[in-house]
Amino acid sequence: MKALSVRQPWAWAIARGHKGVENRSWTTAHRGHLLIHASMRIDLDACASPLIRDAGWHPDDPVAAIGAIVAAVELTGVCAATVGAPDAGCDCGTWAEPGTYHWRLVAPRVLERPVLALGRLGLWEPADALVAELPAAVTS
């Protein structure tokens, strides 16, 4: 199982199914289960983003937690069409940023209760003890 730390409110948008693409400067060969960890840092500029506002972002939502696993998704692919060529035919939608790799995320499963965890840069493997705290619906 792999995890990815994402700043809030982007982690919230992924968990709630609004943001089906994660923009990264790097690609990955990983496909399948991916835990979404809300990092301790908040992207304050993003809180004012029209995409985030229109999606219904509210900091009182339990999924708006920081420093915790908030959801699991399936990583189905990575679109590299826009890297170096913004008009290369990418159809990843309004959440996709030009010039980045678009990690395509589907089937978000929100945790009823965020599970506290320290995140890391890049893709990381959560400890067995952390995975044991997650609901079976997230890890299966």
Protein backbone atom coordinates (compact mmCIF):
# COMPACT_ATOMS: atom_id res chain seq x y z
CA MET A 1 0.00 0.00 0.00
CA LYS A 2 1.24 3.49 -0.87
CA ALA A 3 0.30 6.91 0.47
CA LEU A 4 0.61 10.44 -0.87
CA SER A 5 0.68 13.59 1.26
CA VAL A 6 -1.39 16.42 -0.20
CA ARG A 7 -1.96 19.87 1.26
CA GLN A 8 -5.41 20.95 2.31
CA PRO A 9 -7.82 21.92 0.77
CA TRP A 10 -6.66 19.77 -2.15
CA ALA A 11 -6.76 16.58 -0.05
CA TRP A 12 -10.35 17.43 0.88
CA ALA A 13 -11.29 17.94 -2.78
CA ILE A 14 -9.79 14.56 -3.72
CA ALA A 15 -11.47 12.76 -0.80
CA ARG A 16 -14.87 14.28 -1.53
CA GLY A 17 -14.65 13.28 -5.19
CA HIS A 18 -14.41 16.76 -6.68
CA LYS A 19 -10.78 16.59 -7.81
CA GLY A 20 -10.07 13.54 -9.94
CA VAL A 21 -6.55 14.57 -10.80
CA GLU A 22 -3.52 15.33 -8.64
CA ASN A 23 -0.95 17.62 -10.24
CA ARG A 24 2.66 16.61 -9.65
CA SER A 25 6.03 17.60 -11.11
CA TRP A 26 6.98 13.91 -11.27
CA THR A 27 5.44 10.70 -12.53
CA THR A 28 5.00 7.28 -10.98
CA ALA A 29 4.66 3.71 -12.18
CA HIS A 30 2.38 2.91 -9.21
CA ARG A 31 -1.21 1.98 -10.02
CA GLY A 32 -3.94 0.87 -7.65
CA HIS A 33 -4.73 1.71 -4.02
CA LEU A 34 -3.43 5.04 -2.79
CA LEU A 35 -4.02 6.56 0.63
CA ILE A 36 -4.55 10.32 0.70
CA HIS A 37 -2.74 11.94 3.61
CA ALA A 38 -3.59 15.55 4.44
CA SER A 39 -0.27 17.15 5.22
CA MET A 40 0.35 19.53 8.10
CA ARG A 41 0.74 22.46 5.70
CA ILE A 42 -2.29 24.25 4.29
CA ASP A 43 -2.27 25.94 0.89
CA LEU A 44 -3.94 29.19 2.01
CA ASP A 45 -4.08 30.57 -1.54
CA ALA A 46 -5.99 27.46 -2.64
CA CYS A 47 -8.67 28.07 -0.01
CA ALA A 48 -9.72 31.08 -2.11
CA SER A 49 -9.65 29.14 -5.41
CA PRO A 50 -12.96 29.26 -7.31
CA LEU A 51 -12.68 25.50 -7.88
CA ILE A 52 -12.38 24.87 -4.13
CA ARG A 53 -15.12 27.37 -3.22
CA ASP A 54 -17.52 25.97 -5.84
CA ALA A 55 -16.87 22.44 -4.55
CA GLY A 56 -18.11 23.48 -1.10
CA TRP A 57 -14.89 23.56 0.91
CA HIS A 58 -15.51 24.13 4.60
CA PRO A 59 -12.77 23.84 7.23
CA ASP A 60 -15.22 22.27 9.72
CA ASP A 61 -15.61 19.16 7.54
CA PRO A 62 -13.79 16.24 9.26
CA VAL A 63 -12.08 15.52 5.93
CA ALA A 64 -10.47 18.97 6.20
CA ALA A 65 -8.22 17.57 8.96
CA ILE A 66 -4.47 18.01 8.75
CA GLY A 67 -1.78 15.49 9.63
CA ALA A 68 -3.98 12.48 8.91
CA ILE A 69 -5.04 9.89 6.37
CA VAL A 70 -8.44 11.13 5.19
CA ALA A 71 -9.28 8.85 2.25
CA ALA A 72 -8.21 6.19 -0.18
CA VAL A 73 -8.46 6.35 -3.97
CA GLU A 74 -7.45 4.29 -6.96
CA LEU A 75 -4.63 5.69 -9.07
CA THR A 76 -5.54 4.56 -12.59
CA GLY A 77 -2.94 6.35 -14.67
CA VAL A 78 -0.74 9.37 -15.21
CA CYS A 79 -1.22 11.79 -18.06
CA ALA A 80 2.02 13.31 -19.25
CA ALA A 81 0.53 15.00 -22.32
CA THR A 82 0.91 18.52 -20.94
CA VAL A 83 4.48 18.28 -19.70
CA GLY A 84 6.38 20.66 -21.96
CA ALA A 85 3.43 20.97 -24.35
CA PRO A 86 0.32 22.52 -22.78
CA ASP A 87 -1.89 21.85 -25.82
CA ALA A 88 -0.92 18.22 -26.39
CA GLY A 89 -4.48 16.92 -26.15
CA CYS A 90 -4.86 16.30 -22.42
CA ASP A 91 -8.47 15.83 -21.34
CA CYS A 92 -7.94 15.71 -17.57
CA GLY A 93 -10.41 18.52 -16.83
CA THR A 94 -10.45 21.81 -14.99
CA TRP A 95 -8.43 20.58 -12.00
CA ALA A 96 -5.44 19.73 -14.23
CA GLU A 97 -2.63 22.28 -14.27
CA PRO A 98 -0.65 22.76 -17.49
CA GLY A 99 2.95 21.64 -17.39
CA THR A 100 2.46 18.96 -14.74
CA TYR A 101 1.84 15.24 -14.61
CA HIS A 102 -1.83 14.51 -13.93
CA TRP A 103 -2.36 11.56 -11.63
CA ARG A 104 -5.83 10.23 -12.41
CA LEU A 105 -7.71 9.36 -9.23
CA VAL A 106 -11.02 7.52 -9.04
CA ALA A 107 -13.30 5.81 -6.50
CA PRO A 108 -12.55 7.96 -3.43
CA ARG A 109 -13.38 6.32 -0.10
CA VAL A 110 -13.53 8.75 2.82
CA LEU A 111 -12.56 7.59 6.28
CA GLU A 112 -15.28 8.11 8.87
CA ARG A 113 -12.56 9.32 11.20
CA PRO A 114 -9.21 10.64 9.96
CA VAL A 115 -6.26 8.53 11.14
CA LEU A 116 -3.39 10.64 12.49
CA ALA A 117 -0.10 10.07 10.69
CA LEU A 118 3.12 11.82 9.81
CA GLY A 119 3.45 12.26 6.07
CA ARG A 120 6.46 12.26 3.82
CA LEU A 121 7.54 13.67 0.49
CA GLY A 122 6.85 11.54 -2.56
CA LEU A 123 5.01 8.25 -2.47
CA TRP A 124 5.51 6.53 0.85
CA GLU A 125 4.65 3.27 2.49
CA PRO A 126 2.67 3.55 5.70
CA ALA A 127 3.79 1.41 8.63
CA ASP A 128 1.86 -1.79 9.29
CA ALA A 129 0.52 -0.34 12.55
CA LEU A 130 -0.98 2.61 10.66
CA VAL A 131 -2.57 0.37 8.03
CA ALA A 132 -4.08 -1.73 10.85
CA GLU A 133 -5.94 1.39 12.08
CA LEU A 134 -7.63 1.90 8.71
CA PRO A 135 -11.08 0.50 7.98
CA ALA A 136 -11.11 -2.67 5.86
CA ALA A 137 -13.11 -0.82 3.16
CA VAL A 138 -10.11 1.45 2.58
CA THR A 139 -7.40 -1.20 2.46
CA SER A 140 -9.21 -3.80 0.35
